[in-house]
């Protein structure tokens, strides 16, 4: 049985940079981890526990409006449904786009997003 090689920090960072380049080439606004609070949203590409993670962040006006409705117990309001639909659609689209660029991914265990496998 062959043991999988653990990628070095440098290899993971190179993969993250390549991923940012490819996603920007596809037309996405790509955010670095230090930009995750940007109000406009976009694709978040970062390294977590030696893995490259990618997720979609919606514009804060949609996120805030949805959160306000949910907190008020109005979780079937149109804005909440729009928020959930956008997140689900972008999650599916992102997975398809990553695969089209040749990346192997797994869905993150919590929430939306993808982990890009280091052998991509």
Protein backbone atom coordinates (compact mmCIF):
# COMPACT_ATOMS: atom_id res chain seq x y z
CA UNK A 1 0.00 0.00 0.00
CA UNK A 2 1.41 3.35 -1.07
CA UNK A 3 1.37 6.16 1.47
CA UNK A 4 0.15 9.50 0.14
CA UNK A 5 2.76 12.24 0.16
CA UNK A 6 1.88 15.19 2.34
CA UNK A 7 2.39 18.37 0.31
CA UNK A 8 4.80 20.99 1.63
CA UNK A 9 3.67 24.47 2.60
CA UNK A 10 5.26 25.81 -0.59
CA UNK A 11 3.44 23.25 -2.76
CA UNK A 12 0.10 24.16 -1.19
CA UNK A 13 0.76 27.89 -1.68
CA UNK A 14 1.70 27.29 -5.35
CA UNK A 15 -1.56 25.36 -5.82
CA UNK A 16 -3.54 28.20 -4.20
CA UNK A 17 -1.89 30.78 -6.48
CA UNK A 18 -2.55 28.64 -9.58
CA UNK A 19 -6.16 28.26 -8.49
CA UNK A 20 -6.55 32.03 -7.96
CA UNK A 21 -5.12 32.64 -11.44
CA UNK A 22 -7.42 30.10 -13.10
CA UNK A 23 -10.53 31.36 -11.32
CA UNK A 24 -9.68 34.99 -12.18
CA UNK A 25 -9.19 33.84 -15.78
CA UNK A 26 -12.70 32.39 -15.64
CA UNK A 27 -14.00 35.86 -14.71
CA UNK A 28 -14.40 35.61 -10.94
CA UNK A 29 -13.45 38.21 -8.37
CA UNK A 30 -11.01 36.16 -6.31
CA UNK A 31 -10.40 37.10 -2.68
CA UNK A 32 -7.47 36.21 -0.48
CA UNK A 33 -8.08 35.12 3.13
CA UNK A 34 -7.32 38.61 4.46
CA UNK A 35 -10.09 39.95 2.19
CA UNK A 36 -12.84 37.61 3.39
CA UNK A 37 -14.76 40.50 4.95
CA UNK A 38 -14.97 42.40 1.65
CA UNK A 39 -18.61 43.54 1.33
CA UNK A 40 -18.81 42.79 -2.41
CA UNK A 41 -18.25 39.06 -1.97
CA UNK A 42 -16.52 36.79 -4.46
CA UNK A 43 -14.53 33.58 -4.38
CA UNK A 44 -12.51 32.98 -1.26
CA UNK A 45 -9.35 30.97 -1.88
CA UNK A 46 -7.27 30.12 1.16
CA UNK A 47 -5.17 27.51 2.85
CA UNK A 48 -6.54 25.72 5.90
CA UNK A 49 -4.67 22.89 7.65
CA UNK A 50 -2.47 22.30 4.63
CA UNK A 51 -5.35 22.23 2.18
CA UNK A 52 -6.56 24.72 -0.41
CA UNK A 53 -10.19 25.67 0.19
CA UNK A 54 -12.49 27.58 -2.14
CA UNK A 55 -15.91 28.99 -1.33
CA UNK A 56 -18.30 31.62 -2.60
CA UNK A 57 -19.21 34.68 -0.53
CA UNK A 58 -22.30 36.64 -1.56
CA UNK A 59 -22.47 40.42 -1.40
CA UNK A 60 -23.06 41.54 2.17
CA UNK A 61 -26.33 43.31 1.34
CA UNK A 62 -27.93 39.97 0.36
CA UNK A 63 -26.31 38.13 3.28
CA UNK A 64 -27.36 40.79 5.81
CA UNK A 65 -30.92 41.02 4.47
CA UNK A 66 -31.28 37.24 4.63
CA UNK A 67 -29.87 37.09 8.15
CA UNK A 68 -32.26 39.84 9.31
CA UNK A 69 -35.25 37.89 8.01
CA UNK A 70 -34.06 34.61 9.52
CA UNK A 71 -33.49 36.24 12.91
CA UNK A 72 -37.02 37.65 12.74
CA UNK A 73 -38.36 34.13 12.18
CA UNK A 74 -39.24 34.94 8.57
CA UNK A 75 -37.08 32.30 6.92
CA UNK A 76 -39.45 31.81 3.94
CA UNK A 77 -39.14 35.41 2.74
CA UNK A 78 -37.99 35.92 -0.85
CA UNK A 79 -34.65 37.39 0.20
CA UNK A 80 -33.82 34.29 2.25
CA UNK A 81 -34.76 32.02 -0.65
CA UNK A 82 -32.63 34.12 -3.02
CA UNK A 83 -29.67 33.90 -0.67
CA UNK A 84 -29.99 30.13 -0.32
CA UNK A 85 -30.48 29.68 -4.07
CA UNK A 86 -27.44 31.81 -4.95
CA UNK A 87 -25.23 29.94 -2.48
CA UNK A 88 -26.38 26.53 -3.73
CA UNK A 89 -26.07 27.49 -7.41
CA UNK A 90 -22.60 28.98 -6.96
CA UNK A 91 -21.48 25.93 -5.00
CA UNK A 92 -22.52 23.63 -7.85
CA UNK A 93 -21.12 25.93 -10.53
CA UNK A 94 -17.82 26.32 -8.70
CA UNK A 95 -17.39 22.56 -8.44
CA UNK A 96 -18.06 22.18 -12.16
CA UNK A 97 -15.64 24.97 -13.07
CA UNK A 98 -12.89 23.59 -10.84
CA UNK A 99 -13.30 20.18 -12.44
CA UNK A 100 -13.25 21.72 -15.93
CA UNK A 101 -9.89 23.30 -15.08
CA UNK A 102 -8.61 19.87 -14.07
CA UNK A 103 -8.77 20.21 -10.28
CA UNK A 104 -9.89 17.28 -8.16
CA UNK A 105 -12.13 18.44 -5.34
CA UNK A 106 -14.12 17.24 -2.39
CA UNK A 107 -16.99 19.09 -0.83
CA UNK A 108 -16.13 20.63 2.50
CA UNK A 109 -17.81 18.91 5.42
CA UNK A 110 -19.35 22.05 6.91
CA UNK A 111 -21.26 24.55 4.84
CA UNK A 112 -20.57 25.27 1.21
CA UNK A 113 -17.21 25.16 -0.47
CA UNK A 114 -14.65 22.81 -1.96
CA UNK A 115 -11.29 21.48 -0.90
CA UNK A 116 -8.89 21.15 -3.82
CA UNK A 117 -6.81 18.01 -3.61
CA UNK A 118 -3.07 18.58 -3.76
CA UNK A 119 -2.55 16.13 -6.60
CA UNK A 120 -4.57 18.34 -8.96
